[in-house]
Amino acid sequence: MNAIIDLKTETDICKVTIHVLDQNGSWIYLPAQVEITYIPDIDFTEEQLKNFPKEVKAVDPLKDKGARIISIESKQKCRYVKVVAKNFGIIPPGNPGAGNPAWLFVDEIEVQ
């Protein structure tokens, strides 16, 4: 999942939270990783995104069962917030849907 949120003006933020569904019986898994990029009030290209401040949070979908909210706290001033949630990947053996790609369901992104 890739999303760029336009806050319309440079804004002080302190936390980005994504709400996800964790329902392994339906092949829905937490993301393996969440990456937040903070972009100032400028025109930018995809190539330039690697030069802006970034926070990465690794998630272990097999250990963090039940987690439905993933938050990254970081005081930043930005206009745009890019949120990338990387899919879990292939469902491991012994689980419903084993050998198939997992689903990733994100229903809300909060910027505070």
PDB file of N, CA and C in Angstrom:
ATOM      1  N   MET A   1       0.840  -1.154   0.000  1.00  0.00           N
ATOM      2  CA  MET A   1       0.000   0.000   0.000  1.00  0.00           C
ATOM      3  C   MET A   1       0.891   1.224   0.000  1.00  0.00           C
ATOM      4  N   ASN A   2       0.650   2.119  -0.953  1.00  0.00           N
ATOM      5  CA  ASN A   2       1.361   3.394  -1.037  1.00  0.00           C
ATOM      6  C   ASN A   2       0.337   4.512  -0.988  1.00  0.00           C
ATOM      7  N   ALA A   3       0.538   5.465  -0.088  1.00  0.00           N
ATOM      8  CA  ALA A   3      -0.366   6.611  -0.006  1.00  0.00           C
ATOM      9  C   ALA A   3       0.458   7.864   0.252  1.00  0.00           C
ATOM     10  N   ILE A   4       0.126   8.942  -0.446  1.00  0.00           N
ATOM     11  CA  ILE A   4       0.714  10.245  -0.154  1.00  0.00           C
ATOM     12  C   ILE A   4      -0.424  11.152   0.305  1.00  0.00           C
ATOM     13  N   ILE A   5      -0.271  11.686   1.513  1.00  0.00           N
ATOM     14  CA  ILE A   5      -1.287  12.555   2.111  1.00  0.00           C
ATOM     15  C   ILE A   5      -0.804  13.990   2.000  1.00  0.00           C
ATOM     16  N   ASP A   6      -1.629  14.852   1.412  1.00  0.00           N
ATOM     17  CA  ASP A   6      -1.318  16.270   1.271  1.00  0.00           C
ATOM     18  C   ASP A   6      -2.012  17.013   2.413  1.00  0.00           C
ATOM     19  N   LEU A   7      -1.216  17.599   3.312  1.00  0.00           N
ATOM     20  CA  LEU A   7      -1.757  18.345   4.448  1.00  0.00           C
ATOM     21  C   LEU A   7      -2.090  19.792   4.061  1.00  0.00           C
ATOM     22  N   LYS A   8      -1.881  20.146   2.794  1.00  0.00           N
ATOM     23  CA  LYS A   8      -2.194  21.456   2.198  1.00  0.00           C
ATOM     24  C   LYS A   8      -1.240  22.576   2.595  1.00  0.00           C
ATOM     25  N   THR A   9      -0.571  22.453   3.734  1.00  0.00           N
ATOM     26  CA  THR A   9       0.410  23.440   4.175  1.00  0.00           C
ATOM     27  C   THR A   9       1.410  22.731   5.078  1.00  0.00           C
ATOM     28  N   GLU A  10       2.615  23.288   5.202  1.00  0.00           N
ATOM     29  CA  GLU A  10       3.580  22.659   6.109  1.00  0.00           C
ATOM     30  C   GLU A  10       3.014  22.676   7.520  1.00  0.00           C
ATOM     31  N   THR A  11       3.061  21.534   8.157  1.00  0.00           N
ATOM     32  CA  THR A  11       2.412  21.329   9.447  1.00  0.00           C
ATOM     33  C   THR A  11       3.354  20.576  10.373  1.00  0.00           C
ATOM     34  N   ASP A  12       3.341  20.928  11.649  1.00  0.00           N
ATOM     35  CA  ASP A  12       4.086  20.161  12.644  1.00  0.00           C
ATOM     36  C   ASP A  12       3.286  18.913  12.971  1.00  0.00           C
ATOM     37  N   ILE A  13       3.914  17.767  12.838  1.00  0.00           N
ATOM     38  CA  ILE A  13       3.248  16.514  13.194  1.00  0.00           C
ATOM     39  C   ILE A  13       4.115  15.762  14.202  1.00  0.00           C
ATOM     40  N   CYS A  14       3.497  14.844  14.922  1.00  0.00           N
ATOM     41  CA  CYS A  14       4.247  14.081  15.924  1.00  0.00           C
ATOM     42  C   CYS A  14       4.048  12.573  15.792  1.00  0.00           C
ATOM     43  N   LYS A  15       2.996  12.150  15.060  1.00  0.00           N
ATOM     44  CA  LYS A  15       2.743  10.710  14.987  1.00  0.00           C
ATOM     45  C   LYS A  15       1.922  10.386  13.750  1.00  0.00           C
ATOM     46  N   VAL A  16       2.247   9.242  13.137  1.00  0.00           N
ATOM     47  CA  VAL A  16       1.455   8.690  12.043  1.00  0.00           C
ATOM     48  C   VAL A  16       1.021   7.292  12.481  1.00  0.00           C
ATOM     49  N   THR A  17      -0.271   7.021  12.361  1.00  0.00           N
ATOM     50  CA  THR A  17      -0.829   5.738  12.782  1.00  0.00           C
ATOM     51  C   THR A  17      -1.610   5.132  11.630  1.00  0.00           C
ATOM     52  N   ILE A  18      -1.409   3.837  11.387  1.00  0.00           N
ATOM     53  CA  ILE A  18      -2.244   3.154  10.405  1.00  0.00           C
ATOM     54  C   ILE A  18      -3.036   2.064  11.121  1.00  0.00           C
ATOM     55  N   HIS A  19      -4.268   1.901  10.697  1.00  0.00           N
ATOM     56  CA  HIS A  19      -5.164   0.875  11.239  1.00  0.00           C
ATOM     57  C   HIS A  19      -5.230  -0.258  10.217  1.00  0.00           C
ATOM     58  N   VAL A  20      -4.926  -1.462  10.659  1.00  0.00           N
ATOM     59  CA  VAL A  20      -4.888  -2.617   9.765  1.00  0.00           C
ATOM     60  C   VAL A  20      -5.713  -3.758  10.357  1.00  0.00           C
ATOM     61  N   LEU A  21      -6.100  -4.676   9.498  1.00  0.00           N
ATOM     62  CA  LEU A  21      -6.846  -5.852   9.942  1.00  0.00           C
ATOM     63  C   LEU A  21      -5.887  -7.032  10.041  1.00  0.00           C
ATOM     64  N   ASP A  22      -6.011  -7.806  11.101  1.00  0.00           N
ATOM     65  CA  ASP A  22      -5.201  -9.003  11.317  1.00  0.00           C
ATOM     66  C   ASP A  22      -6.165 -10.171  11.497  1.00  0.00           C
ATOM     67  N   GLN A  23      -6.416 -10.899  10.422  1.00  0.00           N
ATOM     68  CA  GLN A  23      -7.385 -12.000  10.442  1.00  0.00           C
ATOM     69  C   GLN A  23      -6.813 -13.145   9.594  1.00  0.00           C
ATOM     70  N   ASN A  24      -5.852 -13.848  10.177  1.00  0.00           N
ATOM     71  CA  ASN A  24      -5.098 -14.853   9.440  1.00  0.00           C
ATOM     72  C   ASN A  24      -5.952 -15.968   8.867  1.00  0.00           C
ATOM     73  N   GLY A  25      -7.062 -16.296   9.531  1.00  0.00           N
ATOM     74  CA  GLY A  25      -7.953 -17.329   9.019  1.00  0.00           C
ATOM     75  C   GLY A  25      -8.558 -16.957   7.671  1.00  0.00           C
ATOM     76  N   SER A  26      -8.607 -15.659   7.376  1.00  0.00           N
ATOM     77  CA  SER A  26      -9.105 -15.171   6.089  1.00  0.00           C
ATOM     78  C   SER A  26      -7.969 -14.739   5.170  1.00  0.00           C
ATOM     79  N   TRP A  27      -6.745 -15.134   5.512  1.00  0.00           N
ATOM     80  CA  TRP A  27      -5.532 -14.833   4.746  1.00  0.00           C
ATOM     81  C   TRP A  27      -5.123 -13.369   4.838  1.00  0.00           C
ATOM     82  N   ILE A  28      -5.618 -12.641   5.822  1.00  0.00           N
ATOM     83  CA  ILE A  28      -5.303 -11.220   6.001  1.00  0.00           C
ATOM     84  C   ILE A  28      -4.256 -11.106   7.105  1.00  0.00           C
ATOM     85  N   TYR A  29      -3.097 -10.544   6.769  1.00  0.00           N
ATOM     86  CA  TYR A  29      -1.980 -10.450   7.706  1.00  0.00           C
ATOM     87  C   TYR A  29      -1.563  -8.997   7.904  1.00  0.00           C
ATOM     88  N   LEU A  30      -0.924  -8.750   9.048  1.00  0.00           N
ATOM     89  CA  LEU A  30      -0.323  -7.435   9.285  1.00  0.00           C
ATOM     90  C   LEU A  30       0.762  -7.189   8.243  1.00  0.00           C
ATOM     91  N   PRO A  31       1.081  -5.926   7.975  1.00  0.00           N
ATOM     92  CA  PRO A  31       2.190  -5.662   7.053  1.00  0.00           C
ATOM     93  C   PRO A  31       3.510  -6.108   7.678  1.00  0.00           C
ATOM     94  N   ALA A  32       4.476  -6.430   6.844  1.00  0.00           N
ATOM     95  CA  ALA A  32       5.800  -6.806   7.339  1.00  0.00           C
ATOM     96  C   ALA A  32       6.589  -5.576   7.775  1.00  0.00           C
ATOM     97  N   GLN A  33       6.265  -4.430   7.177  1.00  0.00           N
ATOM     98  CA  GLN A  33       6.997  -3.200   7.469  1.00  0.00           C
ATOM     99  C   GLN A  33       6.140  -1.994   7.110  1.00  0.00           C
ATOM    100  N   VAL A  34       6.308  -0.937   7.894  1.00  0.00           N
ATOM    101  CA  VAL A  34       5.654   0.338   7.596  1.00  0.00           C
ATOM    102  C   VAL A  34       6.751   1.389   7.483  1.00  0.00           C
ATOM    103  N   GLU A  35       6.670   2.187   6.429  1.00  0.00           N
ATOM    104  CA  GLU A  35       7.676   3.217   6.170  1.00  0.00           C
ATOM    105  C   GLU A  35       6.960   4.549   5.976  1.00  0.00           C
ATOM    106  N   ILE A  36       7.404   5.569   6.707  1.00  0.00           N
ATOM    107  CA  ILE A  36       6.825   6.905   6.618  1.00  0.00           C
ATOM    108  C   ILE A  36       7.906   7.854   6.095  1.00  0.00           C
ATOM    109  N   THR A  37       7.583   8.631   5.051  1.00  0.00           N
ATOM    110  CA  THR A  37       8.496   9.645   4.519  1.00  0.00           C
ATOM    111  C   THR A  37       7.845  11.000   4.709  1.00  0.00           C
ATOM    112  N   TYR A  38       8.623  11.958   5.221  1.00  0.00           N
ATOM    113  CA  TYR A  38       8.139  13.309   5.499  1.00  0.00           C
ATOM    114  C   TYR A  38       8.668  14.244   4.415  1.00  0.00           C
ATOM    115  N   ILE A  39       7.774  14.889   3.681  1.00  0.00           N
ATOM    116  CA  ILE A  39       8.151  15.682   2.512  1.00  0.00           C
ATOM    117  C   ILE A  39       7.767  17.142   2.752  1.00  0.00           C
ATOM    118  N   PRO A  40       8.727  18.078   2.587  1.00  0.00           N
ATOM    119  CA  PRO A  40       8.409  19.498   2.795  1.00  0.00           C
ATOM    120  C   PRO A  40       7.504  20.051   1.702  1.00  0.00           C
ATOM    121  N   ASP A  41       7.184  21.322   1.801  1.00  0.00           N
ATOM    122  CA  ASP A  41       6.278  21.980   0.858  1.00  0.00           C
ATOM    123  C   ASP A  41       7.034  22.375  -0.409  1.00  0.00           C
ATOM    124  N   ILE A  42       7.384  21.380  -1.211  1.00  0.00           N
ATOM    125  CA  ILE A  42       8.080  21.610  -2.480  1.00  0.00           C
ATOM    126  C   ILE A  42       7.541  20.642  -3.517  1.00  0.00           C
ATOM    127  N   ASP A  43       7.806  20.948  -4.774  1.00  0.00           N
ATOM    128  CA  ASP A  43       7.516  19.971  -5.824  1.00  0.00           C
ATOM    129  C   ASP A  43       8.577  18.881  -5.725  1.00  0.00           C
ATOM    130  N   PHE A  44       8.197  17.643  -5.926  1.00  0.00           N
ATOM    131  CA  PHE A  44       9.158  16.545  -5.796  1.00  0.00           C
ATOM    132  C   PHE A  44       8.829  15.463  -6.802  1.00  0.00           C
ATOM    133  N   THR A  45       9.844  14.649  -7.083  1.00  0.00           N
ATOM    134  CA  THR A  45       9.669  13.484  -7.944  1.00  0.00           C
ATOM    135  C   THR A  45       9.830  12.232  -7.083  1.00  0.00           C
ATOM    136  N   GLU A  46       9.398  11.114  -7.604  1.00  0.00           N
ATOM    137  CA  GLU A  46       9.570   9.838  -6.881  1.00  0.00           C
ATOM    138  C   GLU A  46      11.042   9.613  -6.558  1.00  0.00           C
ATOM    139  N   GLU A  47      11.929   9.970  -7.465  1.00  0.00           N
ATOM    140  CA  GLU A  47      13.373   9.776  -7.269  1.00  0.00           C
ATOM    141  C   GLU A  47      13.872  10.573  -6.064  1.00  0.00           C
ATOM    142  N   GLN A  48      13.330  11.764  -5.841  1.00  0.00           N
ATOM    143  CA  GLN A  48      13.776  12.620  -4.744  1.00  0.00           C
ATOM    144  C   GLN A  48      13.299  12.124  -3.374  1.00  0.00           C
ATOM    145  N   LEU A  49      12.324  11.246  -3.337  1.00  0.00           N
ATOM    146  CA  LEU A  49      11.768  10.791  -2.055  1.00  0.00           C
ATOM    147  C   LEU A  49      12.813  10.168  -1.142  1.00  0.00           C
ATOM    148  N   LYS A  50      13.850   9.567  -1.711  1.00  0.00           N
ATOM    149  CA  LYS A  50      14.871   8.926  -0.870  1.00  0.00           C
ATOM    150  C   LYS A  50      15.703   9.937  -0.087  1.00  0.00           C
ATOM    151  N   ASN A  51      15.605  11.232  -0.442  1.00  0.00           N
ATOM    152  CA  ASN A  51      16.401  12.261   0.226  1.00  0.00           C
ATOM    153  C   ASN A  51      15.693  12.904   1.415  1.00  0.00           C
ATOM    154  N   PHE A  52      14.431  12.576   1.644  1.00  0.00           N
ATOM    155  CA  PHE A  52      13.673  13.191   2.725  1.00  0.00           C
ATOM    156  C   PHE A  52      13.721  12.319   3.980  1.00  0.00           C
ATOM    157  N   PRO A  53      13.470  12.924   5.164  1.00  0.00           N
ATOM    158  CA  PRO A  53      13.479  12.140   6.407  1.00  0.00           C
ATOM    159  C   PRO A  53      12.498  10.966   6.327  1.00  0.00           C
ATOM    160  N   LYS A  54      12.920   9.850   6.910  1.00  0.00           N
ATOM    161  CA  LYS A  54      12.122   8.622   6.806  1.00  0.00           C
ATOM    162  C   LYS A  54      12.199   7.854   8.117  1.00  0.00           C
ATOM    163  N   GLU A  55      11.097   7.244   8.479  1.00  0.00           N
ATOM    164  CA  GLU A  55      11.030   6.347   9.636  1.00  0.00           C
ATOM    165  C   GLU A  55      10.543   4.993   9.145  1.00  0.00           C
ATOM    166  N   VAL A  56      11.155   3.924   9.635  1.00  0.00           N
ATOM    167  CA  VAL A  56      10.757   2.576   9.235  1.00  0.00           C
ATOM    168  C   VAL A  56      10.493   1.762  10.494  1.00  0.00           C
ATOM    169  N   LYS A  57       9.381   1.057  10.483  1.00  0.00           N
ATOM    170  CA  LYS A  57       9.050   0.180  11.616  1.00  0.00           C
ATOM    171  C   LYS A  57       8.818  -1.219  11.077  1.00  0.00           C
ATOM    172  N   ALA A  58       9.618  -2.151  11.553  1.00  0.00           N
ATOM    173  CA  ALA A  58       9.434  -3.557  11.184  1.00  0.00           C
ATOM    174  C   ALA A  58       8.338  -4.150  12.059  1.00  0.00           C
ATOM    175  N   VAL A  59       7.521  -4.992  11.477  1.00  0.00           N
ATOM    176  CA  VAL A  59       6.434  -5.665  12.196  1.00  0.00           C
ATOM    177  C   VAL A  59       6.639  -7.151  11.972  1.00  0.00           C
ATOM    178  N   ASP A  60       6.475  -7.949  13.005  1.00  0.00           N
ATOM    179  CA  ASP A  60       6.529  -9.399  12.840  1.00  0.00           C
ATOM    180  C   ASP A  60       5.098  -9.928  12.914  1.00  0.00           C
ATOM    181  N   PRO A  61       4.446 -10.094  11.744  1.00  0.00           N
ATOM    182  CA  PRO A  61       3.036 -10.491  11.739  1.00  0.00           C
ATOM    183  C   PRO A  61       2.751 -11.806  12.450  1.00  0.00           C
ATOM    184  N   LEU A  62       3.752 -12.681  12.585  1.00  0.00           N
ATOM    185  CA  LEU A  62       3.514 -13.952  13.264  1.00  0.00           C
ATOM    186  C   LEU A  62       3.621 -13.822  14.778  1.00  0.00           C
ATOM    187  N   LYS A  63       4.351 -12.818  15.283  1.00  0.00           N
ATOM    188  CA  LYS A  63       4.480 -12.614  16.729  1.00  0.00           C
ATOM    189  C   LYS A  63       3.547 -11.541  17.255  1.00  0.00           C
ATOM    190  N   ASP A  64       3.266 -10.530  16.444  1.00  0.00           N
ATOM    191  CA  ASP A  64       2.453  -9.393  16.880  1.00  0.00           C
ATOM    192  C   ASP A  64       0.967  -9.622  16.614  1.00  0.00           C
ATOM    193  N   LYS A  65       0.517 -10.826  16.801  1.00  0.00           N
ATOM    194  CA  LYS A  65      -0.891 -11.153  16.543  1.00  0.00           C
ATOM    195  C   LYS A  65      -1.808 -10.249  17.349  1.00  0.00           C
ATOM    196  N   GLY A  66      -2.886  -9.840  16.718  1.00  0.00           N
ATOM    197  CA  GLY A  66      -3.875  -9.016  17.388  1.00  0.00           C
ATOM    198  C   GLY A  66      -3.617  -7.525  17.259  1.00  0.00           C
ATOM    199  N   ALA A  67      -2.401  -7.121  16.898  1.00  0.00           N
ATOM    200  CA  ALA A  67      -2.123  -5.690  16.738  1.00  0.00           C
ATOM    201  C   ALA A  67      -2.935  -5.170  15.566  1.00  0.00           C
ATOM    202  N   ARG A  68      -3.651  -4.118  15.788  1.00  0.00           N
ATOM    203  CA  ARG A  68      -4.474  -3.552  14.733  1.00  0.00           C
ATOM    204  C   ARG A  68      -4.101  -2.106  14.440  1.00  0.00           C
ATOM    205  N   ILE A  69      -3.265  -1.532  15.306  1.00  0.00           N
ATOM    206  CA  ILE A  69      -2.825  -0.154  15.126  1.00  0.00           C
ATOM    207  C   ILE A  69      -1.304  -0.144  15.160  1.00  0.00           C
ATOM    208  N   ILE A  70      -0.714   0.453  14.138  1.00  0.00           N
ATOM    209  CA  ILE A  70       0.742   0.568  14.077  1.00  0.00           C
ATOM    210  C   ILE A  70       1.064   2.056  14.041  1.00  0.00           C
ATOM    211  N   SER A  71       1.815   2.536  15.045  1.00  0.00           N
ATOM    212  CA  SER A  71       2.131   3.957  15.151  1.00  0.00           C
ATOM    213  C   SER A  71       3.627   4.182  15.039  1.00  0.00           C
ATOM    214  N   ILE A  72       3.967   5.289  14.404  1.00  0.00           N
ATOM    215  CA  ILE A  72       5.349   5.742  14.336  1.00  0.00           C
ATOM    216  C   ILE A  72       5.355   7.181  14.837  1.00  0.00           C
ATOM    217  N   GLU A  73       6.079   7.403  15.938  1.00  0.00           N
ATOM    218  CA  GLU A  73       6.156   8.738  16.515  1.00  0.00           C
ATOM    219  C   GLU A  73       7.449   9.406  16.070  1.00  0.00           C
ATOM    220  N   SER A  74       7.315  10.619  15.552  1.00  0.00           N
ATOM    221  CA  SER A  74       8.465  11.386  15.106  1.00  0.00           C
ATOM    222  C   SER A  74       8.023  12.825  14.894  1.00  0.00           C
ATOM    223  N   LYS A  75       8.671  13.754  15.572  1.00  0.00           N
ATOM    224  CA  LYS A  75       8.329  15.169  15.391  1.00  0.00           C
ATOM    225  C   LYS A  75       8.955  15.655  14.096  1.00  0.00           C
ATOM    226  N   GLN A  76       8.109  16.102  13.183  1.00  0.00           N
ATOM    227  CA  GLN A  76       8.546  16.556  11.868  1.00  0.00           C
ATOM    228  C   GLN A  76       7.699  17.756  11.454  1.00  0.00           C
ATOM    229  N   LYS A  77       8.221  18.518  10.513  1.00  0.00           N
ATOM    230  CA  LYS A  77       7.443  19.583   9.873  1.00  0.00           C
ATOM    231  C   LYS A  77       7.426  19.224   8.397  1.00  0.00           C
ATOM    232  N   CYS A  78       6.234  19.042   7.841  1.00  0.00           N
ATOM    233  CA  CYS A  78       6.132  18.627   6.452  1.00  0.00           C
ATOM    234  C   CYS A  78       4.778  19.025   5.880  1.00  0.00           C
ATOM    235  N   ARG A  79       4.689  18.980   4.564  1.00  0.00           N
ATOM    236  CA  ARG A  79       3.398  19.184   3.905  1.00  0.00           C
ATOM    237  C   ARG A  79       2.794  17.857   3.491  1.00  0.00           C
ATOM    238  N   TYR A  80       3.645  16.957   3.015  1.00  0.00           N
ATOM    239  CA  TYR A  80       3.188  15.648   2.529  1.00  0.00           C
ATOM    240  C   TYR A  80       3.726  14.555   3.441  1.00  0.00           C
ATOM    241  N   VAL A  81       2.928  13.523   3.617  1.00  0.00           N
ATOM    242  CA  VAL A  81       3.353  12.332   4.356  1.00  0.00           C
ATOM    243  C   VAL A  81       3.120  11.146   3.434  1.00  0.00           C
ATOM    244  N   LYS A  82       4.199  10.431   3.126  1.00  0.00           N
ATOM    245  CA  LYS A  82       4.066   9.226   2.309  1.00  0.00           C
ATOM    246  C   LYS A  82       4.092   8.020   3.243  1.00  0.00           C
ATOM    247  N   VAL A  83       3.095   7.161   3.116  1.00  0.00           N
ATOM    248  CA  VAL A  83       2.978   5.967   3.950  1.00  0.00           C
ATOM    249  C   VAL A  83       3.048   4.742   3.036  1.00  0.00           C
ATOM    250  N   VAL A  84       3.990   3.843   3.338  1.00  0.00           N
ATOM    251  CA  VAL A  84       4.128   2.593   2.589  1.00  0.00           C
ATOM    252  C   VAL A  84       4.003   1.448   3.589  1.00  0.00           C
ATOM    253  N   ALA A  85       3.044   0.568   3.366  1.00  0.00           N
ATOM    254  CA  ALA A  85       2.904  -0.644   4.178  1.00  0.00           C
ATOM    255  C   ALA A  85       3.221  -1.819   3.270  1.00  0.00           C
ATOM    256  N   LYS A  86       4.274  -2.557   3.610  1.00  0.00           N
ATOM    257  CA  LYS A  86       4.710  -3.680   2.773  1.00  0.00           C
ATOM    258  C   LYS A  86       3.989  -4.962   3.183  1.00  0.00           C
ATOM    259  N   ASN A  87       3.472  -5.635   2.187  1.00  0.00           N
ATOM    260  CA  ASN A  87       2.703  -6.858   2.388  1.00  0.00           C
ATOM    261  C   ASN A  87       3.529  -7.932   3.096  1.00  0.00           C
ATOM    262  N   PHE A  88       2.850  -8.761   3.862  1.00  0.00           N
ATOM    263  CA  PHE A  88       3.471  -9.877   4.581  1.00  0.00           C
ATOM    264  C   PHE A  88       4.205 -10.819   3.633  1.00  0.00           C
ATOM    265  N   GLY A  89       3.619 -11.079   2.480  1.00  0.00           N
ATOM    266  CA  GLY A  89       4.221 -12.008   1.518  1.00  0.00           C
ATOM    267  C   GLY A  89       3.434 -13.308   1.440  1.00  0.00           C
ATOM    268  N   ILE A  90       4.154 -14.423   1.287  1.00  0.00           N
ATOM    269  CA  ILE A  90       3.528 -15.743   1.154  1.00  0.00           C
ATOM    270  C   ILE A  90       3.189 -16.299   2.537  1.00  0.00           C
ATOM    271  N   ILE A  91       1.992 -16.812   2.671  1.00  0.00           N
ATOM    272  CA  ILE A  91       1.534 -17.378   3.940  1.00  0.00           C
ATOM    273  C   ILE A  91       2.320 -18.659   4.227  1.00  0.00           C
ATOM    274  N   PRO A  92       2.885 -18.760   5.440  1.00  0.00           N
ATOM    275  CA  PRO A  92       3.731 -19.918   5.761  1.00  0.00           C
ATOM    276  C   PRO A  92       2.932 -21.218   5.940  1.00  0.00           C
ATOM    277  N   PRO A  93       3.625 -22.358   5.807  1.00  0.00           N
ATOM    278  CA  PRO A  93       2.979 -23.660   5.996  1.00  0.00           C
ATOM    279  C   PRO A  93       2.316 -23.756   7.373  1.00  0.00           C
ATOM    280  N   GLY A  94       1.232 -24.512   7.425  1.00  0.00           N
ATOM    281  CA  GLY A  94       0.526 -24.735   8.685  1.00  0.00           C
ATOM    282  C   GLY A  94      -0.530 -23.687   8.988  1.00  0.00           C
ATOM    283  N   ASN A  95      -0.673 -22.698   8.116  1.00  0.00           N
ATOM    284  CA  ASN A  95      -1.674 -21.642   8.299  1.00  0.00           C
ATOM    285  C   ASN A  95      -2.700 -21.710   7.184  1.00  0.00           C
ATOM    286  N   PRO A  96      -3.935 -21.252   7.442  1.00  0.00           N
ATOM    287  CA  PRO A  96      -4.926 -21.225   6.361  1.00  0.00           C
ATOM    288  C   PRO A  96      -4.391 -20.420   5.179  1.00  0.00           C
ATOM    289  N   GLY A  97      -4.508 -20.989   3.977  1.00  0.00           N
ATOM    290  CA  GLY A  97      -4.029 -20.312   2.771  1.00  0.00           C
ATOM    291  C   GLY A  97      -2.546 -20.482   2.521  1.00  0.00           C
ATOM    292  N   ALA A  98      -1.898 -21.401   3.227  1.00  0.00           N
ATOM    293  CA  ALA A  98      -0.447 -21.599   3.101  1.00  0.00           C
ATOM    294  C   ALA A  98      -0.026 -21.671   1.632  1.00  0.00           C
ATOM    295  N   GLY A  99       1.073 -20.994   1.325  1.00  0.00           N
ATOM    296  CA  GLY A  99       1.622 -21.002  -0.025  1.00  0.00           C
ATOM    297  C   GLY A  99       1.042 -19.932  -0.933  1.00  0.00           C
ATOM    298  N   ASN A 100       0.024 -19.226  -0.471  1.00  0.00           N
ATOM    299  CA  ASN A 100      -0.605 -18.151  -1.248  1.00  0.00           C
ATOM    300  C   ASN A 100      -0.173 -16.789  -0.714  1.00  0.00           C
ATOM    301  N   PRO A 101      -0.298 -15.745  -1.538  1.00  0.00           N
ATOM    302  CA  PRO A 101       0.008 -14.396  -1.046  1.00  0.00           C
ATOM    303  C   PRO A 101      -1.029 -13.951  -0.011  1.00  0.00           C
ATOM    304  N   ALA A 102      -0.553 -13.289   1.034  1.00  0.00           N
ATOM    305  CA  ALA A 102      -1.436 -12.758   2.069  1.00  0.00           C
ATOM    306  C   ALA A 102      -2.103 -11.480   1.576  1.00  0.00           C
ATOM    307  N   TRP A 103      -3.274 -11.203   2.130  1.00  0.00           N
ATOM    308  CA  TRP A 103      -3.957  -9.937   1.881  1.00  0.00           C
ATOM    309  C   TRP A 103      -3.468  -8.918   2.896  1.00  0.00           C
ATOM    310  N   LEU A 104      -3.484  -7.635   2.507  1.00  0.00           N
ATOM    311  CA  LEU A 104      -3.195  -6.531   3.411  1.00  0.00           C
ATOM    312  C   LEU A 104      -4.396  -5.593   3.370  1.00  0.00           C
ATOM    313  N   PHE A 105      -5.044  -5.397   4.523  1.00  0.00           N
ATOM    314  CA  PHE A 105      -6.194  -4.499   4.611  1.00  0.00           C
ATOM    315  C   PHE A 105      -5.826  -3.319   5.510  1.00  0.00           C
ATOM    316  N   VAL A 106      -5.861  -2.112   4.966  1.00  0.00           N
ATOM    317  CA  VAL A 106      -5.642  -0.879   5.717  1.00  0.00           C
ATOM    318  C   VAL A 106      -6.909  -0.048   5.583  1.00  0.00           C
ATOM    319  N   ASP A 107      -7.477   0.381   6.713  1.00  0.00           N
ATOM    320  CA  ASP A 107      -8.729   1.138   6.602  1.00  0.00           C
ATOM    321  C   ASP A 107      -8.619   2.588   7.034  1.00  0.00           C
ATOM    322  N   GLU A 108      -7.524   2.975   7.675  1.00  0.00           N
ATOM    323  CA  GLU A 108      -7.420   4.358   8.119  1.00  0.00           C
ATOM    324  C   GLU A 108      -5.956   4.720   8.324  1.00  0.00           C
ATOM    325  N   ILE A 109      -5.611   5.952   7.980  1.00  0.00           N
ATOM    326  CA  ILE A 109      -4.291   6.517   8.258  1.00  0.00           C
ATOM    327  C   ILE A 109      -4.532   7.818   9.004  1.00  0.00           C
ATOM    328  N   GLU A 110      -3.946   7.929  10.202  1.00  0.00           N
ATOM    329  CA  GLU A 110      -4.078   9.145  11.012  1.00  0.00           C
ATOM    330  C   GLU A 110      -2.747   9.881  11.051  1.00  0.00           C
ATOM    331  N   VAL A 111      -2.798  11.203  10.878  1.00  0.00           N
ATOM    332  CA  VAL A 111      -1.623  12.049  11.034  1.00  0.00           C
ATOM    333  C   VAL A 111      -1.938  13.032  12.144  1.00  0.00           C
ATOM    334  N   GLN A 112      -1.150  13.004  13.205  1.00  0.00           N
ATOM    335  CA  GLN A 112      -1.385  13.907  14.349  1.00  0.00           C
ATOM    336  C   GLN A 112      -0.237  14.882  14.467  1.00  0.00           C
TER     337      GLN A 112
END
